[in-house]
C-alpha atoms as a PDB file:
ATOM      1  CA  MET A   1    -296.584  18.011  93.517  1.00  0.00           C
ATOM      2  CA  ASN A   2    -299.821  20.327  94.625  1.00  0.00           C
ATOM      3  CA  THR A   3    -300.490  22.612  91.750  1.00  0.00           C
ATOM      4  CA  ASP A   4    -298.516  25.915  94.339  1.00  0.00           C
ATOM      5  CA  THR A   5    -295.634  24.481  94.546  1.00  0.00           C
ATOM      6  CA  LYS A   6    -295.648  23.921  89.963  1.00  0.00           C
ATOM      7  CA  ILE A   7    -296.629  27.373  89.945  1.00  0.00           C
ATOM      8  CA  ILE A   8    -293.600  28.361  92.609  1.00  0.00           C
ATOM      9  CA  LEU A   9    -290.864  26.463  90.939  1.00  0.00           C
ATOM     10  CA  GLY A  10    -292.306  27.451  87.398  1.00  0.00           C
ATOM     11  CA  ALA A  11    -291.750  31.417  88.817  1.00  0.00           C
ATOM     12  CA  ILE A  12    -288.260  30.634  89.980  1.00  0.00           C
ATOM     13  CA  VAL A  13    -287.048  28.565  86.650  1.00  0.00           C
ATOM     14  CA  LEU A  14    -288.711  31.372  84.658  1.00  0.00           C
ATOM     15  CA  SER A  15    -286.454  34.056  86.808  1.00  0.00           C
ATOM     16  CA  VAL A  16    -283.140  32.202  86.078  1.00  0.00           C
ATOM     17  CA  LEU A  17    -283.716  31.907  82.466  1.00  0.00           C
ATOM     18  CA  VAL A  18    -285.091  36.073  82.350  1.00  0.00           C
ATOM     19  CA  ILE A  19    -282.077  36.689  84.274  1.00  0.00           C
ATOM     20  CA  VAL A  20    -279.303  34.209  82.193  1.00  0.00           C
ATOM     21  CA  GLY A  21    -280.796  35.461  78.820  1.00  0.00           C
ATOM     22  CA  ALA A  22    -280.121  39.306  80.477  1.00  0.00           C
ATOM     23  CA  ILE A  23    -276.726  38.809  81.371  1.00  0.00           C
ATOM     24  CA  PHE A  24    -276.031  37.417  78.094  1.00  0.00           C
ATOM     25  CA  LEU A  25    -277.596  40.269  76.174  1.00  0.00           C
ATOM     26  CA  ILE A  26    -276.164  42.824  77.994  1.00  0.00           C
ATOM     27  CA  GLY A  27    -273.248  41.000  77.503  1.00  0.00           C
ATOM     28  CA  SER A  28    -272.617  40.667  74.087  1.00  0.00           C
ATOM     29  CA  GLY A  29    -274.266  44.293  73.332  1.00  0.00           C
ATOM     30  CA  GLU A  30    -271.520  46.385  74.521  1.00  0.00           C
ATOM     31  CA  SER A  31    -269.249  47.823  72.476  1.00  0.00           C
ATOM     32  CA  LYS A  32    -266.159  45.831  71.550  1.00  0.00           C
ATOM     33  CA  SER A  33    -262.723  47.717  71.210  1.00  0.00           C
ATOM     34  CA  PRO A  34    -260.374  47.212  68.939  1.00  0.00           C
ATOM     35  CA  LYS A  35    -257.046  45.757  70.235  1.00  0.00           C
ATOM     36  CA  ARG A  36    -254.168  48.045  68.973  1.00  0.00           C
ATOM     37  CA  GLU A  37    -252.265  45.519  68.528  1.00  0.00           C
ATOM     38  CA  THR A  38    -254.280  44.325  65.643  1.00  0.00           C
ATOM     39  CA  LEU A  39    -254.712  47.728  64.049  1.00  0.00           C
ATOM     40  CA  GLY A  40    -250.748  48.056  63.841  1.00  0.00           C
ATOM     41  CA  SER A  41    -248.333  51.593  64.884  1.00  0.00           C
ATOM     42  CA  ALA A  42    -249.103  55.157  63.645  1.00  0.00           C
ATOM     43  CA  SER A  43    -248.386  58.451  65.059  1.00  0.00           C
ATOM     44  CA  MET A  44    -250.439  61.706  64.932  1.00  0.00           C
ATOM     45  CA  MET A  45    -250.003  65.371  65.718  1.00  0.00           C
ATOM     46  CA  LEU A  46    -253.462  67.836  66.392  1.00  0.00           C
ATOM     47  CA  ASP A  47    -252.749  71.079  65.291  1.00  0.00           C
ATOM     48  CA  LYS A  48    -254.574  72.176  68.546  1.00  0.00           C
ATOM     49  CA  ASN A  49    -256.167  70.722  72.125  1.00  0.00           C
ATOM     50  CA  SER A  50    -259.175  73.614  72.522  1.00  0.00           C
ATOM     51  CA  GLU A  51    -260.717  76.045  71.552  1.00  0.00           C
ATOM     52  CA  ASP A  52    -262.709  79.014  73.225  1.00  0.00           C
ATOM     53  CA  PHE A  53    -265.672  79.899  71.659  1.00  0.00           C
ATOM     54  CA  GLY A  54    -265.712  83.155  73.790  1.00  0.00           C
ATOM     55  CA  SER A  55    -268.938  84.919  75.022  1.00  0.00           C
ATOM     56  CA  MET A  56    -272.189  83.158  72.894  1.00  0.00           C
ATOM     57  CA  LYS A  57    -275.583  83.231  73.355  1.00  0.00           C
ATOM     58  CA  SER A  58    -278.019  79.782  74.524  1.00  0.00           C
ATOM     59  CA  ASP A  59    -279.855  79.240  71.227  1.00  0.00           C
ATOM     60  CA  GLU A  60    -276.346  79.897  69.449  1.00  0.00           C
ATOM     61  CA  GLU A  61    -274.516  76.964  68.560  1.00  0.00           C
ATOM     62  CA  ARG A  62    -270.575  76.709  67.100  1.00  0.00           C
ATOM     63  CA  THR A  63    -268.261  74.401  65.659  1.00  0.00           C
ATOM     64  CA  ALA A  64    -264.525  74.341  66.445  1.00  0.00           C
ATOM     65  CA  THR A  65    -261.982  72.361  63.873  1.00  0.00           C
ATOM     66  CA  PHE A  66    -259.396  70.259  64.911  1.00  0.00           C
ATOM     67  CA  THR A  67    -256.915  68.756  62.351  1.00  0.00           C
ATOM     68  CA  ILE A  68    -255.657  65.233  62.534  1.00  0.00           C
ATOM     69  CA  THR A  69    -252.263  64.416  60.277  1.00  0.00           C
ATOM     70  CA  ASN A  70    -250.675  60.718  59.995  1.00  0.00           C
ATOM     71  CA  THR A  71    -247.111  61.987  60.743  1.00  0.00           C
ATOM     72  CA  SER A  72    -246.220  57.944  59.783  1.00  0.00           C
ATOM     73  CA  ASP A  73    -246.449  56.061  56.888  1.00  0.00           C
ATOM     74  CA  ALA A  74    -249.112  54.109  58.060  1.00  0.00           C
ATOM     75  CA  VAL A  75    -252.550  54.425  58.456  1.00  0.00           C
ATOM     76  CA  LEU A  76    -253.638  55.921  61.341  1.00  0.00           C
ATOM     77  CA  ARG A  77    -256.927  54.270  63.267  1.00  0.00           C
ATOM     78  CA  ILE A  78    -259.537  56.266  65.226  1.00  0.00           C
ATOM     79  CA  TRP A  79    -262.353  55.090  67.014  1.00  0.00           C
ATOM     80  CA  ASN A  80    -264.246  55.186  70.624  1.00  0.00           C
ATOM     81  CA  ILE A  81    -265.088  58.876  69.608  1.00  0.00           C
ATOM     82  CA  ALA A  82    -267.501  60.058  72.962  1.00  0.00           C
ATOM     83  CA  THR A  83    -268.492  63.282  73.904  1.00  0.00           C
ATOM     84  CA  SER A  84    -268.925  64.627  77.693  1.00  0.00           C
ATOM     85  CA  CYS A  85    -272.013  65.739  77.120  1.00  0.00           C
ATOM     86  CA  ASP A  86    -275.195  65.738  75.400  1.00  0.00           C
ATOM     87  CA  CYS A  87    -275.078  68.705  73.801  1.00  0.00           C
ATOM     88  CA  THR A  88    -271.693  68.215  72.330  1.00  0.00           C
ATOM     89  CA  PHE A  89    -271.256  66.773  69.046  1.00  0.00           C
ATOM     90  CA  ALA A  90    -268.193  65.760  66.557  1.00  0.00           C
ATOM     91  CA  SER A  91    -267.846  64.314  63.401  1.00  0.00           C
ATOM     92  CA  ILE A  92    -264.704  63.189  61.181  1.00  0.00           C
ATOM     93  CA  ILE A  93    -264.325  63.836  57.596  1.00  0.00           C
ATOM     94  CA  ILE A  94    -261.735  61.610  55.878  1.00  0.00           C
ATOM     95  CA  ASN A  95    -260.882  62.112  52.679  1.00  0.00           C
ATOM     96  CA  GLY A  96    -264.381  64.477  51.875  1.00  0.00           C
ATOM     97  CA  GLN A  97    -266.368  61.966  54.112  1.00  0.00           C
ATOM     98  CA  LYS A  98    -267.635  62.662  56.766  1.00  0.00           C
ATOM     99  CA  THR A  99    -269.406  60.761  59.399  1.00  0.00           C
ATOM    100  CA  GLY A 100    -272.479  61.146  61.132  1.00  0.00           C
ATOM    101  CA  GLU A 101    -272.623  63.250  64.987  1.00  0.00           C
ATOM    102  CA  PHE A 102    -270.605  61.502  67.342  1.00  0.00           C
ATOM    103  CA  ASN A 103    -272.285  61.913  70.811  1.00  0.00           C
ATOM    104  CA  MET A 104    -272.357  60.580  74.549  1.00  0.00           C
ATOM    105  CA  ALA A 105    -271.522  56.806  74.197  1.00  0.00           C
ATOM    106  CA  MET A 106    -275.001  55.991  75.641  1.00  0.00           C
ATOM    107  CA  HIS A 107    -277.069  57.683  72.964  1.00  0.00           C
ATOM    108  CA  MET A 108    -275.099  57.300  69.840  1.00  0.00           C
ATOM    109  CA  SER A 109    -276.081  54.346  67.536  1.00  0.00           C
ATOM    110  CA  SER A 110    -273.880  51.007  67.262  1.00  0.00           C
ATOM    111  CA  THR A 111    -272.385  51.906  64.143  1.00  0.00           C
ATOM    112  CA  LEU A 112    -271.560  54.728  65.432  1.00  0.00           C
ATOM    113  CA  LYS A 113    -269.946  53.224  68.494  1.00  0.00           C
ATOM    114  CA  ASN A 114    -268.144  50.500  66.501  1.00  0.00           C
ATOM    115  CA  TRP A 115    -267.045  52.860  63.742  1.00  0.00           C
ATOM    116  CA  ILE A 116    -262.863  52.506  62.456  1.00  0.00           C
ATOM    117  CA  GLY A 117    -261.675  55.779  60.818  1.00  0.00           C
ATOM    118  CA  GLU A 118    -258.672  55.108  58.724  1.00  0.00           C
ATOM    119  CA  ILE A 119    -256.574  57.965  58.026  1.00  0.00           C
ATOM    120  CA  PRO A 120    -253.225  57.301  54.957  1.00  0.00           C
ATOM    121  CA  PRO A 121    -250.644  57.908  56.041  1.00  0.00           C
ATOM    122  CA  LYS A 122    -249.363  61.332  55.386  1.00  0.00           C
ATOM    123  CA  GLN A 123    -252.900  62.286  55.497  1.00  0.00           C
ATOM    124  CA  THR A 124    -255.359  64.731  56.957  1.00  0.00           C
ATOM    125  CA  ALA A 125    -258.279  64.474  58.657  1.00  0.00           C
ATOM    126  CA  GLN A 126    -260.685  67.384  60.156  1.00  0.00           C
ATOM    127  CA  LEU A 127    -262.845  66.841  64.077  1.00  0.00           C
ATOM    128  CA  GLU A 128    -265.628  68.726  64.010  1.00  0.00           C
ATOM    129  CA  VAL A 129    -266.877  69.607  67.186  1.00  0.00           C
ATOM    130  CA  THR A 130    -270.555  71.377  67.501  1.00  0.00           C
ATOM    131  CA  TYR A 131    -271.911  72.905  70.472  1.00  0.00           C
ATOM    132  CA  ARG A 132    -275.577  73.569  71.010  1.00  0.00           C
ATOM    133  CA  PRO A 133    -276.095  75.287  74.805  1.00  0.00           C
ATOM    134  CA  LYS A 134    -279.638  74.938  73.878  1.00  0.00           C
ATOM    135  CA  VAL A 135    -279.868  70.999  74.197  1.00  0.00           C
ATOM    136  CA  MET A 136    -278.803  71.078  78.075  1.00  0.00           C
ATOM    137  CA  PRO A 137    -279.514  74.953  79.073  1.00  0.00           C
ATOM    138  CA  VAL A 138    -276.816  76.310  81.425  1.00  0.00           C
ATOM    139  CA  THR A 139    -275.012  79.876  81.975  1.00  0.00           C
ATOM    140  CA  GLY A 140    -272.010  80.658  82.789  1.00  0.00           C
ATOM    141  CA  ALA A 141    -268.217  79.277  82.162  1.00  0.00           C
ATOM    142  CA  VAL A 142    -269.150  75.789  80.255  1.00  0.00           C
ATOM    143  CA  THR A 143    -265.776  73.133  79.156  1.00  0.00           C
ATOM    144  CA  ARG A 144    -267.292  70.295  77.080  1.00  0.00           C
ATOM    145  CA  GLN A 145    -264.921  67.359  75.744  1.00  0.00           C
ATOM    146  CA  VAL A 146    -264.400  64.672  72.934  1.00  0.00           C
ATOM    147  CA  ASN A 147    -262.159  61.967  73.367  1.00  0.00           C
ATOM    148  CA  PHE A 148    -260.906  59.223  70.987  1.00  0.00           C
ATOM    149  CA  ALA A 149    -258.569  56.681  70.765  1.00  0.00           C
ATOM    150  CA  THR A 150    -255.766  55.909  67.823  1.00  0.00           C
ATOM    151  CA  ASN A 151    -253.466  53.170  67.189  1.00  0.00           C
ATOM    152  CA  ASP A 152    -250.908  56.435  68.227  1.00  0.00           C
ATOM    153  CA  PRO A 153    -248.719  54.257  71.216  1.00  0.00           C
ATOM    154  CA  GLN A 154    -247.785  58.151  72.266  1.00  0.00           C
ATOM    155  CA  HIS A 155    -251.157  59.031  72.093  1.00  0.00           C
ATOM    156  CA  ALA A 156    -253.737  56.314  72.799  1.00  0.00           C
ATOM    157  CA  GLU A 157    -256.607  58.208  73.660  1.00  0.00           C
ATOM    158  CA  VAL A 158    -256.699  61.772  72.734  1.00  0.00           C
ATOM    159  CA  GLU A 159    -258.893  64.674  74.577  1.00  0.00           C
ATOM    160  CA  VAL A 160    -260.041  68.043  72.761  1.00  0.00           C
ATOM    161  CA  SER A 161    -262.306  70.462  74.601  1.00  0.00           C
ATOM    162  CA  ILE A 162    -263.867  73.575  73.970  1.00  0.00           C
ATOM    163  CA  LYS A 163    -264.942  76.225  76.195  1.00  0.00           C
ATOM    164  CA  ALA A 164    -267.836  79.192  75.991  1.00  0.00           C
ATOM    165  CA  ASN A 165    -269.319  81.490  78.239  1.00  0.00           C
ATOM    166  CA  VAL A 166    -273.534  80.908  78.155  1.00  0.00           C
ATOM    167  CA  LEU A 167    -275.105  84.265  78.205  1.00  0.00           C
END
């Protein structure tokens, strides 16, 4: 084999290895959602599904609190908390312990992406949703959402929203 052929074959082999490695890394780096059947079954209730902040300036920040009640005798588990915009943040408070700030999935650490919270039977937790318009400046009416999954078969996927009129 001449030198040119060896270089071309080497480049092809290297390219294939890089592609296979990238596919492996991407596949292994994805967030692995827990299977509901392994998390038991509970039931929950929210005190509200939305909050209207009314008019606010773009340099203001407002927070809404949503109460999540475990209405069952089993542990209520919540996970996959994510917001719809980079300007919206969510935290959970369970037994006085507050999590870090959840955001859009692409902007969160793997620790928060893989977080699973447990609300004991007949207990409550608070979901705090903070809107910071200056992060993604817009004016006018806006609506932002926070979504999360639970082991309540009736509320497998939950969405709460906040609204504001940004001046």
